Structure formats: C-alpha cells, structure tokens
C-alpha atoms as a PDB file:
ATOM      1  CA  MET A   1       0.000   0.000   0.000  1.00  0.00           C
ATOM      2  CA  LEU A   2       2.858   2.373   0.833  1.00  0.00           C
ATOM      3  CA  ALA A   3       4.629   1.605  -2.451  1.00  0.00           C
ATOM      4  CA  TRP A   4       1.400   2.373  -4.315  1.00  0.00           C
ATOM      5  CA  ALA A   5       1.093   5.701  -2.457  1.00  0.00           C
ATOM      6  CA  VAL A   6       4.700   6.642  -3.305  1.00  0.00           C
ATOM      7  CA  TRP A   7       4.079   5.770  -6.964  1.00  0.00           C
ATOM      8  CA  GLY A   8       0.897   7.855  -6.972  1.00  0.00           C
ATOM      9  CA  ASN A   9       2.789  10.806  -5.502  1.00  0.00           C
ATOM     10  CA  ARG A  10       5.458  10.436  -8.178  1.00  0.00           C
ATOM     11  CA  ASN A  11       2.762  10.546 -10.869  1.00  0.00           C
ATOM     12  CA  LEU A  12       1.215  13.612  -9.231  1.00  0.00           C
ATOM     13  CA  LEU A  13       4.585  15.385  -9.397  1.00  0.00           C
ATOM     14  CA  PHE A  14       5.102  14.329 -13.009  1.00  0.00           C
ATOM     15  CA  ASN A  15       1.629  15.441 -14.152  1.00  0.00           C
ATOM     16  CA  THR A  16       1.116  18.620 -12.117  1.00  0.00           C
ATOM     17  CA  GLY A  17       4.563  19.703 -10.944  1.00  0.00           C
ATOM     18  CA  HIS A  18       3.385  19.412  -7.330  1.00  0.00           C
ATOM     19  CA  SER A  19       3.786  16.574  -4.855  1.00  0.00           C
ATOM     20  CA  LYS A  20       2.561  15.764  -1.376  1.00  0.00           C
ATOM     21  CA  PRO A  21       4.921  15.922   1.639  1.00  0.00           C
ATOM     22  CA  PRO A  22       6.211  12.457   2.661  1.00  0.00           C
ATOM     23  CA  VAL A  23       4.184  12.483   5.873  1.00  0.00           C
ATOM     24  CA  LEU A  24       0.962  12.925   3.873  1.00  0.00           C
ATOM     25  CA  VAL A  25       1.953  10.100   1.535  1.00  0.00           C
ATOM     26  CA  ALA A  26       2.554   7.768   4.488  1.00  0.00           C
ATOM     27  CA  THR A  27      -0.615   8.712   6.356  1.00  0.00           C
ATOM     28  CA  GLY A  28      -2.608   8.510   3.128  1.00  0.00           C
ATOM     29  CA  ALA A  29      -1.400   4.945   2.628  1.00  0.00           C
ATOM     30  CA  GLU A  30      -2.362   4.155   6.212  1.00  0.00           C
ATOM     31  CA  SER A  31      -5.842   5.587   5.646  1.00  0.00           C
ATOM     32  CA  LEU A  32      -6.302   3.503   2.497  1.00  0.00           C
ATOM     33  CA  LEU A  33      -5.247   0.378   4.365  1.00  0.00           C
ATOM     34  CA  THR A  34      -7.695   1.187   7.155  1.00  0.00           C
ATOM     35  CA  GLU A  35     -10.479   1.712   4.611  1.00  0.00           C
ATOM     36  CA  PHE A  36      -9.646  -1.611   2.945  1.00  0.00           C
ATOM     37  CA  GLN A  37      -9.722  -3.429   6.272  1.00  0.00           C
ATOM     38  CA  ARG A  38     -13.005  -1.726   7.169  1.00  0.00           C
ATOM     39  CA  SER A  39     -14.510  -2.867   3.864  1.00  0.00           C
ATOM     40  CA  LYS A  40     -13.415  -6.428   4.557  1.00  0.00           C
ATOM     41  CA  ARG A  41     -15.100  -6.297   7.951  1.00  0.00           C
ATOM     42  CA  ALA A  42     -18.290  -5.003   6.332  1.00  0.00           C
ATOM     43  CA  LEU A  43     -18.313  -8.009   4.001  1.00  0.00           C
ATOM     44  CA  ALA A  44     -17.797 -10.361   6.935  1.00  0.00           C
ATOM     45  CA  PRO A  45     -20.476  -9.451   9.509  1.00  0.00           C
ATOM     46  CA  HIS A  46     -19.443 -12.245  11.868  1.00  0.00           C
ATOM     47  CA  VAL A  47     -16.143 -10.446  12.490  1.00  0.00           C
ATOM     48  CA  GLN A  48     -16.458  -7.757  15.155  1.00  0.00           C
ATOM     49  CA  SER A  49     -14.302  -4.697  15.660  1.00  0.00           C
ATOM     50  CA  ASP A  50     -11.621  -4.877  18.304  1.00  0.00           C
ATOM     51  CA  PRO A  51     -13.044  -3.114  21.397  1.00  0.00           C
ATOM     52  CA  SER A  52      -9.514  -2.131  22.442  1.00  0.00           C
ATOM     53  CA  ARG A  53      -9.373   0.409  19.599  1.00  0.00           C
ATOM     54  CA  GLY A  54     -10.999   2.925  21.920  1.00  0.00           C
ATOM     55  CA  GLY A  55     -12.794   4.918  19.222  1.00  0.00           C
ATOM     56  CA  LEU A  56     -14.027   5.186  15.664  1.00  0.00           C
ATOM     57  CA  ASP A  57     -11.918   5.905  12.610  1.00  0.00           C
ATOM     58  CA  TRP A  58     -12.227   9.237  10.824  1.00  0.00           C
ATOM     59  CA  ILE A  59     -15.765   9.819   9.565  1.00  0.00           C
ATOM     60  CA  GLY A  60     -16.380  12.045   6.574  1.00  0.00           C
ATOM     61  CA  PRO A  61     -18.577  15.147   6.771  1.00  0.00           C
ATOM     62  CA  PRO A  62     -21.984  15.313   5.053  1.00  0.00           C
ATOM     63  CA  HIS A  63     -21.982  15.382   1.253  1.00  0.00           C
ATOM     64  CA  GLY A  64     -20.479  18.540  -0.199  1.00  0.00           C
ATOM     65  CA  GLN A  65     -18.962  19.712   3.085  1.00  0.00           C
ATOM     66  CA  PHE A  66     -15.376  20.057   4.329  1.00  0.00           C
ATOM     67  CA  LYS A  67     -13.984  19.028   7.707  1.00  0.00           C
ATOM     68  CA  LEU A  68     -10.958  20.353   9.591  1.00  0.00           C
ATOM     69  CA  ASN A  69      -9.065  18.077  11.979  1.00  0.00           C
ATOM     70  CA  THR A  70      -6.345  19.412  14.276  1.00  0.00           C
ATOM     71  CA  ALA A  71      -4.050  17.936  16.923  1.00  0.00           C
ATOM     72  CA  ALA A  72      -1.039  18.801  19.060  1.00  0.00           C
ATOM     73  CA  ALA A  73       1.898  16.683  20.238  1.00  0.00           C
ATOM     74  CA  SER A  74       4.456  17.533  22.914  1.00  0.00           C
ATOM     75  CA  CYS A  75       8.135  17.446  22.025  1.00  0.00           C
ATOM     76  CA  THR A  76      10.479  15.248  24.045  1.00  0.00           C
ATOM     77  CA  GLN A  77      12.253  18.210  25.629  1.00  0.00           C
ATOM     78  CA  GLY A  78       8.935  19.803  26.589  1.00  0.00           C
ATOM     79  CA  LEU A  79      10.022  23.177  25.220  1.00  0.00           C
ATOM     80  CA  SER A  80       7.771  23.156  22.158  1.00  0.00           C
ATOM     81  CA  ILE A  81       4.823  21.378  20.576  1.00  0.00           C
ATOM     82  CA  GLY A  82       4.105  20.012  17.139  1.00  0.00           C
ATOM     83  CA  VAL A  83       0.748  20.898  15.614  1.00  0.00           C
ATOM     84  CA  GLY A  84      -0.998  19.288  12.686  1.00  0.00           C
ATOM     85  CA  ALA A  85      -4.052  20.267  10.671  1.00  0.00           C
ATOM     86  CA  ALA A  86      -5.813  18.680   7.714  1.00  0.00           C
ATOM     87  CA  ILE A  87      -8.869  19.716   5.712  1.00  0.00           C
ATOM     88  CA  ARG A  88     -10.713  16.928   3.888  1.00  0.00           C
ATOM     89  CA  ASP A  89     -13.863  16.612   1.828  1.00  0.00           C
ATOM     90  CA  ASP A  90     -16.679  14.098   2.272  1.00  0.00           C
ATOM     91  CA  LYS A  91     -14.720  11.467   0.307  1.00  0.00           C
ATOM     92  CA  GLY A  92     -11.650  11.803   2.533  1.00  0.00           C
ATOM     93  CA  LEU A  93      -9.547  13.673  -0.041  1.00  0.00           C
ATOM     94  CA  VAL A  94      -6.974  15.893   1.667  1.00  0.00           C
ATOM     95  CA  LEU A  95      -7.497  19.410   0.323  1.00  0.00           C
ATOM     96  CA  ALA A  96      -4.954  21.206   2.506  1.00  0.00           C
ATOM     97  CA  ALA A  97      -2.634  20.265   5.349  1.00  0.00           C
ATOM     98  CA  ARG A  98      -0.150  21.889   7.672  1.00  0.00           C
ATOM     99  CA  SER A  99       2.467  20.624  10.097  1.00  0.00           C
ATOM    100  CA  ASN A 100       4.713  22.876  12.159  1.00  0.00           C
ATOM    101  CA  ARG A 101       6.417  23.280  15.531  1.00  0.00           C
ATOM    102  CA  LEU A 102       5.598  26.064  17.994  1.00  0.00           C
ATOM    103  CA  PRO A 103       8.145  26.991  20.689  1.00  0.00           C
ATOM    104  CA  GLY A 104       7.090  27.243  24.340  1.00  0.00           C
ATOM    105  CA  LYS A 105       5.670  25.224  27.229  1.00  0.00           C
ATOM    106  CA  PHE A 106       1.941  24.576  26.968  1.00  0.00           C
ATOM    107  CA  THR A 107      -0.701  22.598  28.804  1.00  0.00           C
ATOM    108  CA  ALA A 108      -2.472  19.900  26.804  1.00  0.00           C
ATOM    109  CA  GLU A 109      -5.574  22.077  26.400  1.00  0.00           C
ATOM    110  CA  LEU A 110      -3.594  25.160  25.377  1.00  0.00           C
ATOM    111  CA  GLY A 111      -1.664  23.094  22.840  1.00  0.00           C
ATOM    112  CA  GLU A 112      -4.914  21.789  21.344  1.00  0.00           C
ATOM    113  CA  MET A 113      -6.264  25.335  21.179  1.00  0.00           C
ATOM    114  CA  MET A 114      -3.147  26.503  19.350  1.00  0.00           C
ATOM    115  CA  ALA A 115      -3.451  23.599  16.921  1.00  0.00           C
ATOM    116  CA  LEU A 116      -7.071  24.549  16.238  1.00  0.00           C
ATOM    117  CA  ARG A 117      -6.072  28.146  15.572  1.00  0.00           C
ATOM    118  CA  GLU A 118      -3.347  26.987  13.169  1.00  0.00           C
ATOM    119  CA  GLY A 119      -5.888  24.850  11.326  1.00  0.00           C
ATOM    120  CA  LEU A 120      -8.369  27.703  11.060  1.00  0.00           C
ATOM    121  CA  GLN A 121      -5.607  29.980   9.792  1.00  0.00           C
ATOM    122  CA  LEU A 122      -4.800  27.340   7.171  1.00  0.00           C
ATOM    123  CA  ALA A 123      -8.391  27.440   5.914  1.00  0.00           C
ATOM    124  CA  HIS A 124      -8.434  31.237   6.012  1.00  0.00           C
ATOM    125  CA  PHE A 125      -5.099  31.476   4.174  1.00  0.00           C
ATOM    126  CA  TYR A 126      -6.453  29.401   1.287  1.00  0.00           C
ATOM    127  CA  ASN A 127      -9.869  31.106   1.448  1.00  0.00           C
ATOM    128  CA  MET A 128     -11.612  27.781   2.062  1.00  0.00           C
ATOM    129  CA  LYS A 129     -15.067  27.463   3.603  1.00  0.00           C
ATOM    130  CA  VAL A 130     -14.961  24.673   6.164  1.00  0.00           C
ATOM    131  CA  ASP A 131     -18.133  23.397   7.789  1.00  0.00           C
ATOM    132  CA  LEU A 132     -16.935  21.178  10.652  1.00  0.00           C
ATOM    133  CA  ALA A 133     -13.948  21.021  12.984  1.00  0.00           C
ATOM    134  CA  GLU A 134     -12.729  18.171  15.176  1.00  0.00           C
ATOM    135  CA  VAL A 135     -10.193  18.236  17.998  1.00  0.00           C
ATOM    136  CA  ILE A 136      -9.034  15.596  20.474  1.00  0.00           C
ATOM    137  CA  SER A 137      -9.628  17.571  23.675  1.00  0.00           C
ATOM    138  CA  PRO A 138     -13.244  17.683  24.949  1.00  0.00           C
ATOM    139  CA  LYS A 139     -12.170  20.540  27.224  1.00  0.00           C
ATOM    140  CA  VAL A 140     -11.391  22.746  24.215  1.00  0.00           C
ATOM    141  CA  VAL A 141     -14.896  22.138  22.859  1.00  0.00           C
ATOM    142  CA  SER A 142     -16.318  22.904  26.299  1.00  0.00           C
ATOM    143  CA  ILE A 143     -14.387  26.183  26.459  1.00  0.00           C
ATOM    144  CA  LEU A 144     -15.658  27.105  22.989  1.00  0.00           C
ATOM    145  CA  ASN A 145     -19.256  26.627  24.098  1.00  0.00           C
ATOM    146  CA  ASP A 146     -18.795  28.309  27.480  1.00  0.00           C
ATOM    147  CA  SER A 147     -19.617  31.992  27.764  1.00  0.00           C
ATOM    148  CA  SER A 148     -17.557  32.386  30.951  1.00  0.00           C
ATOM    149  CA  PRO A 149     -14.727  34.916  30.527  1.00  0.00           C
ATOM    150  CA  LEU A 150     -11.189  33.552  30.206  1.00  0.00           C
ATOM    151  CA  VAL A 151      -7.997  35.107  31.517  1.00  0.00           C
ATOM    152  CA  GLY A 152      -4.389  35.259  30.376  1.00  0.00           C
ATOM    153  CA  GLU A 153      -3.148  33.721  27.146  1.00  0.00           C
ATOM    154  CA  SER A 154      -6.232  31.509  26.830  1.00  0.00           C
ATOM    155  CA  LYS A 155      -8.440  34.591  26.503  1.00  0.00           C
ATOM    156  CA  PHE A 156      -6.584  36.034  23.506  1.00  0.00           C
ATOM    157  CA  LEU A 157      -6.199  32.609  21.909  1.00  0.00           C
ATOM    158  CA  MET A 158      -9.895  31.811  22.205  1.00  0.00           C
ATOM    159  CA  ASN A 159     -10.823  35.244  20.841  1.00  0.00           C
ATOM    160  CA  ASP A 160      -8.712  34.472  17.757  1.00  0.00           C
ATOM    161  CA  ILE A 161     -10.320  31.046  17.406  1.00  0.00           C
ATOM    162  CA  LYS A 162     -13.881  32.354  17.657  1.00  0.00           C
ATOM    163  CA  MET A 163     -13.164  35.091  15.124  1.00  0.00           C
ATOM    164  CA  LEU A 164     -11.631  32.596  12.681  1.00  0.00           C
ATOM    165  CA  ILE A 165     -14.507  30.148  13.189  1.00  0.00           C
ATOM    166  CA  THR A 166     -16.895  32.868  12.045  1.00  0.00           C
ATOM    167  CA  VAL A 167     -14.723  33.854   9.073  1.00  0.00           C
ATOM    168  CA  VAL A 168     -14.107  30.275   7.899  1.00  0.00           C
ATOM    169  CA  GLY A 169     -17.741  29.234   8.358  1.00  0.00           C
ATOM    170  CA  ILE A 170     -17.450  26.486  10.991  1.00  0.00           C
ATOM    171  CA  THR A 171     -20.908  25.511  12.240  1.00  0.00           C
ATOM    172  CA  LYS A 172     -19.882  22.786  14.686  1.00  0.00           C
ATOM    173  CA  CYS A 173     -16.748  21.798  16.611  1.00  0.00           C
ATOM    174  CA  LEU A 174     -16.584  18.308  18.106  1.00  0.00           C
ATOM    175  CA  ALA A 175     -14.194  16.256  20.221  1.00  0.00           C
ATOM    176  CA  VAL A 176     -13.118  12.903  18.757  1.00  0.00           C
ATOM    177  CA  SER A 177     -10.798  10.092  19.800  1.00  0.00           C
ATOM    178  CA  LYS A 178      -7.226   9.836  18.551  1.00  0.00           C
ATOM    179  CA  HIS A 179      -8.384   7.062  16.209  1.00  0.00           C
ATOM    180  CA  GLY A 180     -10.761   9.544  14.613  1.00  0.00           C
ATOM    181  CA  ASN A 181      -8.015  12.135  14.248  1.00  0.00           C
ATOM    182  CA  THR A 182      -5.082  10.049  13.013  1.00  0.00           C
ATOM    183  CA  LEU A 183      -3.940  12.237  10.123  1.00  0.00           C
ATOM    184  CA  ALA A 184      -3.738  15.470  12.129  1.00  0.00           C
ATOM    185  CA  LEU A 185      -2.046  13.631  15.001  1.00  0.00           C
ATOM    186  CA  ASN A 186       0.544  12.088  12.655  1.00  0.00           C
ATOM    187  CA  LEU A 187       1.259  15.528  11.230  1.00  0.00           C
ATOM    188  CA  ALA A 188       1.686  16.912  14.753  1.00  0.00           C
ATOM    189  CA  ASN A 189       3.989  14.051  15.751  1.00  0.00           C
ATOM    190  CA  SER A 190       6.033  14.600  12.595  1.00  0.00           C
ATOM    191  CA  ALA A 191       6.512  18.278  13.414  1.00  0.00           C
ATOM    192  CA  SER A 192       7.348  17.387  17.004  1.00  0.00           C
ATOM    193  CA  ALA A 193       9.967  14.788  16.073  1.00  0.00           C
ATOM    194  CA  LEU A 194      11.502  16.303  12.951  1.00  0.00           C
ATOM    195  CA  SER A 195      11.129  20.034  13.611  1.00  0.00           C
ATOM    196  CA  ARG A 196      10.060  20.416   9.996  1.00  0.00           C
ATOM    197  CA  GLU A 197       7.222  22.551   8.675  1.00  0.00           C
ATOM    198  CA  TRP A 198       4.889  21.434   5.886  1.00  0.00           C
ATOM    199  CA  LEU A 199       2.270  23.517   4.139  1.00  0.00           C
ATOM    200  CA  TRP A 200       0.409  21.810   1.336  1.00  0.00           C
ATOM    201  CA  MET A 201      -2.701  22.326  -0.768  1.00  0.00           C
ATOM    202  CA  ASP A 202      -4.213  20.102  -3.429  1.00  0.00           C
ATOM    203  CA  SER A 203      -3.779  21.974  -6.718  1.00  0.00           C
ATOM    204  CA  ARG A 204      -7.178  20.669  -7.838  1.00  0.00           C
ATOM    205  CA  SER A 205      -9.000  22.417  -4.971  1.00  0.00           C
END
C-alpha cells in the first residue's frame, strides 16, 4: 500500500509539478489500508471490531462539506509542541494540510487550542469554507461553548479562534478520539519529532 502511495505521488509530481509531503503520503497509505480493512469487515459481519481500539476511525462530513481536523503533540524536551491540521472533503480527499512546531511550554488544552487556531488559519489562508472542525480535547470544545470569561493567554487565543470560526464558516466543533483524528495527530507528531514545517494544498482544490 505504501509503495502504491509513493508511486501515486510520483505521478502527481510528473503530471502537475506538485507533490505531497512524505508524511501525507505515508498517512494517506495508512488511511487507504484502514479503509480496505473496514470494507473487509463489512463483508464479513461475523467479524467484530476490536473493542480495544478505543474509538471510531475518521468519519467524513456530510456530502459537499469540508472538515478540519487538528491535533497537538508535545516534544520530548517539553520546550515546544508540534501541531498538525488537515482539511478533507466528504470522500476523505486531503485538500490542505499543515504541520509545524511552535516553541514554548503549553498545557495539553492550550496546545490543542493553538493547533485549532493553526488549522483555522490554514483554511483562512487558502480562502476555504470549512463546515466542521474536530479536535481531540473535549475541554477545548467545552471552552468554545462556554460563555464564561477567560484570563491570560487563553483569553486572547480563544478570541482568535472564535473570530476565525466565524470567518471560515465552521458551524460545529466536536471532540473525537485519537483514532478519529489520526492524520492530524501524525502531522503533529512529525513536526514534534523532525522540527520540519509542511504547508500543502491540493492543486485541484
């Protein structure tokens, strides 16, 4: 599956002059493998899903809509975080993705908030209307829906997020498991481990 993904990326470069970052090629191959395995399970109803998975795989948005997934990952030294963001359509096609490292010490919730802001900025940068957003932290979703005033850095960060949500067109933000947010999490882990920034958009979008 990985070899097929690498070959497809080579053809994309040959035909359009643009190619996907290696991390997107790898995670794309993983997603295809997951989809294949899911299809096999659907054809064999006597086989049940492993309950140890702890959550559902990524689920596409309603027809004609786009979904943003974001995630954060702490670096080993604890002095920075990696953030990942991916925008996909209802068929799972990656339309835009970003992976970068942000310096500083952050709580898990603050890191997830910063990842969400980066993802919203990605959509705004490419002038994309995105309908749904998904993050890993339920607390971030709770803060978004809470009218209680925030203090400190969280206040300014949440103000940015709410403004961008309005501009981008997000109608709903949900918390999902890591299994439902694999691509964004892999992008975040890549930025955390490699200290390398990726910014990519499908030229067909």
